[in-house]
Amino acid sequence: MHCNVINQKTCNVAPYDRRDCGYPGISASECAQRKCCFDSSIPGVNWCFFSKTQDKAQCGIKTKDRKDCGFPGISAKDCYSRGCCFDDSKPEVKWCFYPKFKGCSVSHKLRKDCGYPNISVKDCHSRGCCYDSSIPETVWCFYGYK
């Protein structure tokens, strides 16, 4: 497990509770540049993931302000695989919900397309959208969050 930016204790996240911070095939160094945890020892789970501290900061949303990211009965594993937050500690509220984001820091799994194939950076920005081509095989022109 690599935790160059944050300490080992905050990277001790159960495999199926890991909220994705990267993309398939991300390297440990790319993950560290995102200030996230990296652990490639378990196949089939997120290898680049948010630390407990990051997750608490991004998922600490009042229940009334949660925006649904799942469906009734979604499991924590399925919710985390979408890059979303999961909290089932309170009944009758959204358990799977979008994390807080500022501007264009949107997980590749949550990007909502704002363009068209091969859109230029200029055309994307002219629509008031975010552009990030650093992650292959994902949406590059997408809506940001407030």
Protein backbone atom coordinates (compact mmCIF):
# COMPACT_ATOMS: atom_id res chain seq x y z
CA MET A 1 0.00 0.00 0.00
CA HIS A 2 1.33 3.43 -0.93
CA CYS A 3 0.37 6.48 1.04
CA ASN A 4 2.93 9.10 0.14
CA VAL A 5 0.76 12.09 0.97
CA ILE A 6 -1.35 10.85 3.84
CA ASN A 7 -0.56 8.50 6.67
CA GLN A 8 -1.05 4.75 6.59
CA LYS A 9 -3.86 4.82 9.17
CA THR A 10 -6.14 6.97 7.00
CA CYS A 11 -5.53 4.62 4.05
CA ASN A 12 -6.78 1.60 5.98
CA VAL A 13 -10.12 1.44 4.13
CA ALA A 14 -11.98 -1.86 3.73
CA PRO A 15 -11.60 -3.09 0.13
CA TYR A 16 -15.28 -2.75 -0.82
CA ASP A 17 -15.58 0.61 0.94
CA ARG A 18 -12.94 2.24 -1.27
CA ARG A 19 -14.33 5.25 -3.13
CA ASP A 20 -12.54 5.51 -6.48
CA CYS A 21 -10.00 8.31 -6.91
CA GLY A 22 -8.45 7.13 -10.15
CA TYR A 23 -9.25 5.07 -13.21
CA PRO A 24 -8.54 1.51 -14.35
CA GLY A 25 -4.79 1.04 -14.79
CA ILE A 26 -3.72 4.13 -12.83
CA SER A 27 -0.18 3.91 -11.50
CA ALA A 28 0.82 4.40 -7.88
CA SER A 29 2.64 7.63 -8.79
CA GLU A 30 -0.40 9.05 -10.65
CA CYS A 31 -2.56 8.15 -7.66
CA ALA A 32 -0.12 9.88 -5.29
CA GLN A 33 -0.29 13.01 -7.48
CA ARG A 34 -4.03 13.04 -6.80
CA LYS A 35 -3.22 12.82 -3.07
CA CYS A 36 -5.02 9.49 -2.76
CA CYS A 37 -4.23 6.04 -1.37
CA PHE A 38 -2.98 3.19 -3.57
CA ASP A 39 -3.18 -0.54 -2.85
CA SER A 40 -3.01 -3.02 -5.73
CA SER A 41 -2.83 -6.15 -3.56
CA ILE A 42 -6.53 -7.07 -3.94
CA PRO A 43 -7.95 -7.73 -7.42
CA GLY A 44 -11.45 -6.53 -8.29
CA VAL A 45 -11.56 -3.45 -6.04
CA ASN A 46 -10.50 0.18 -6.45
CA TRP A 47 -6.71 0.43 -6.21
CA CYS A 48 -6.56 4.23 -6.12
CA PHE A 49 -9.02 5.47 -3.52
CA PHE A 50 -9.84 8.33 -1.18
CA SER A 51 -8.48 8.16 2.36
CA LYS A 52 -10.78 8.10 5.39
CA THR A 53 -10.01 11.79 5.95
CA GLN A 54 -10.81 12.75 2.35
CA ASP A 55 -13.94 10.63 2.39
CA LYS A 56 -15.18 12.25 5.59
CA ALA A 57 -14.59 15.73 4.12
CA GLN A 58 -16.34 14.91 0.84
CA CYS A 59 -19.18 12.84 2.26
CA GLY A 60 -20.05 14.92 5.32
CA ILE A 61 -23.30 16.21 3.84
CA LYS A 62 -26.48 16.95 5.78
CA THR A 63 -29.15 14.36 5.01
CA LYS A 64 -31.51 16.98 3.57
CA ASP A 65 -28.79 18.13 1.10
CA ARG A 66 -27.92 14.67 -0.26
CA LYS A 67 -28.37 14.17 -4.00
CA ASP A 68 -29.29 10.59 -4.90
CA CYS A 69 -26.58 8.58 -6.66
CA GLY A 70 -28.17 5.16 -6.51
CA PHE A 71 -31.48 3.40 -6.18
CA PRO A 72 -33.50 1.99 -3.26
CA GLY A 73 -31.67 -0.97 -1.75
CA ILE A 74 -28.29 -0.26 -3.38
CA SER A 75 -25.42 -1.96 -1.59
CA ALA A 76 -22.45 -0.05 -0.22
CA LYS A 77 -20.18 -1.88 -2.68
CA ASP A 78 -22.31 -0.83 -5.69
CA CYS A 79 -22.56 2.72 -4.38
CA TYR A 80 -18.78 3.04 -3.88
CA SER A 81 -18.19 1.54 -7.33
CA ARG A 82 -20.04 4.59 -8.73
CA GLY A 83 -17.65 6.90 -6.89
CA CYS A 84 -20.39 7.98 -4.49
CA CYS A 85 -20.78 8.19 -0.71
CA PHE A 86 -22.70 5.63 1.34
CA ASP A 87 -24.21 6.13 4.78
CA ASP A 88 -27.03 3.89 5.97
CA SER A 89 -26.96 5.07 9.59
CA LYS A 90 -30.24 6.99 9.29
CA PRO A 91 -33.48 5.41 8.03
CA GLU A 92 -35.61 6.92 5.27
CA VAL A 93 -32.93 9.17 3.72
CA LYS A 94 -30.72 8.78 0.65
CA TRP A 95 -27.99 6.29 1.58
CA CYS A 96 -26.04 6.49 -1.71
CA PHE A 97 -25.34 10.12 -2.58
CA TYR A 98 -22.97 12.32 -4.54
CA PRO A 99 -19.95 13.65 -2.66
CA LYS A 100 -19.15 17.36 -2.38
CA PHE A 101 -17.13 18.63 -5.30
CA LYS A 102 -15.72 22.01 -6.06
CA GLY A 103 -15.56 23.15 -9.65
CA CYS A 104 -14.13 20.57 -12.00
CA SER A 105 -12.81 18.04 -9.45
CA VAL A 106 -15.33 15.43 -10.55
CA SER A 107 -14.58 11.71 -10.39
CA HIS A 108 -14.44 10.24 -13.90
CA LYS A 109 -17.28 7.89 -12.95
CA LEU A 110 -19.58 10.82 -12.14
CA ARG A 111 -18.89 12.99 -15.18
CA LYS A 112 -21.99 14.08 -17.09
CA ASP A 113 -21.24 14.70 -20.76
CA CYS A 114 -21.38 18.35 -21.78
CA GLY A 115 -20.01 18.06 -25.28
CA TYR A 116 -19.72 15.76 -28.25
CA PRO A 117 -17.02 13.41 -29.58
CA ASN A 118 -13.72 15.21 -30.25
CA ILE A 119 -14.91 18.56 -28.86
CA SER A 120 -12.11 21.10 -28.52
CA VAL A 121 -11.09 22.60 -25.19
CA LYS A 122 -12.25 26.01 -26.44
CA ASP A 123 -15.70 24.76 -27.48
CA CYS A 124 -16.08 22.87 -24.20
CA HIS A 125 -15.20 25.94 -22.13
CA SER A 126 -17.50 28.12 -24.28
CA ARG A 127 -20.36 25.92 -23.01
CA GLY A 128 -19.34 26.72 -19.42
CA CYS A 129 -18.08 23.18 -18.88
CA CYS A 130 -14.95 21.48 -17.57
CA TYR A 131 -12.37 19.76 -19.77
CA ASP A 132 -9.94 17.06 -18.67
CA SER A 133 -8.40 14.66 -21.18
CA SER A 134 -5.99 13.02 -18.70
CA ILE A 135 -8.14 9.92 -18.18
CA PRO A 136 -8.51 7.67 -21.23
CA GLU A 137 -11.87 6.24 -22.26
CA THR A 138 -14.02 8.63 -20.23
CA VAL A 139 -15.93 11.87 -20.76
CA TRP A 140 -13.49 14.75 -21.29
CA CYS A 141 -15.98 17.64 -21.54
CA PHE A 142 -18.29 17.52 -18.53
CA TYR A 143 -20.43 19.58 -16.18
CA GLY A 144 -18.75 20.83 -13.00
CA TYR A 145 -20.28 20.96 -9.54
CA LYS A 146 -20.91 23.91 -7.29
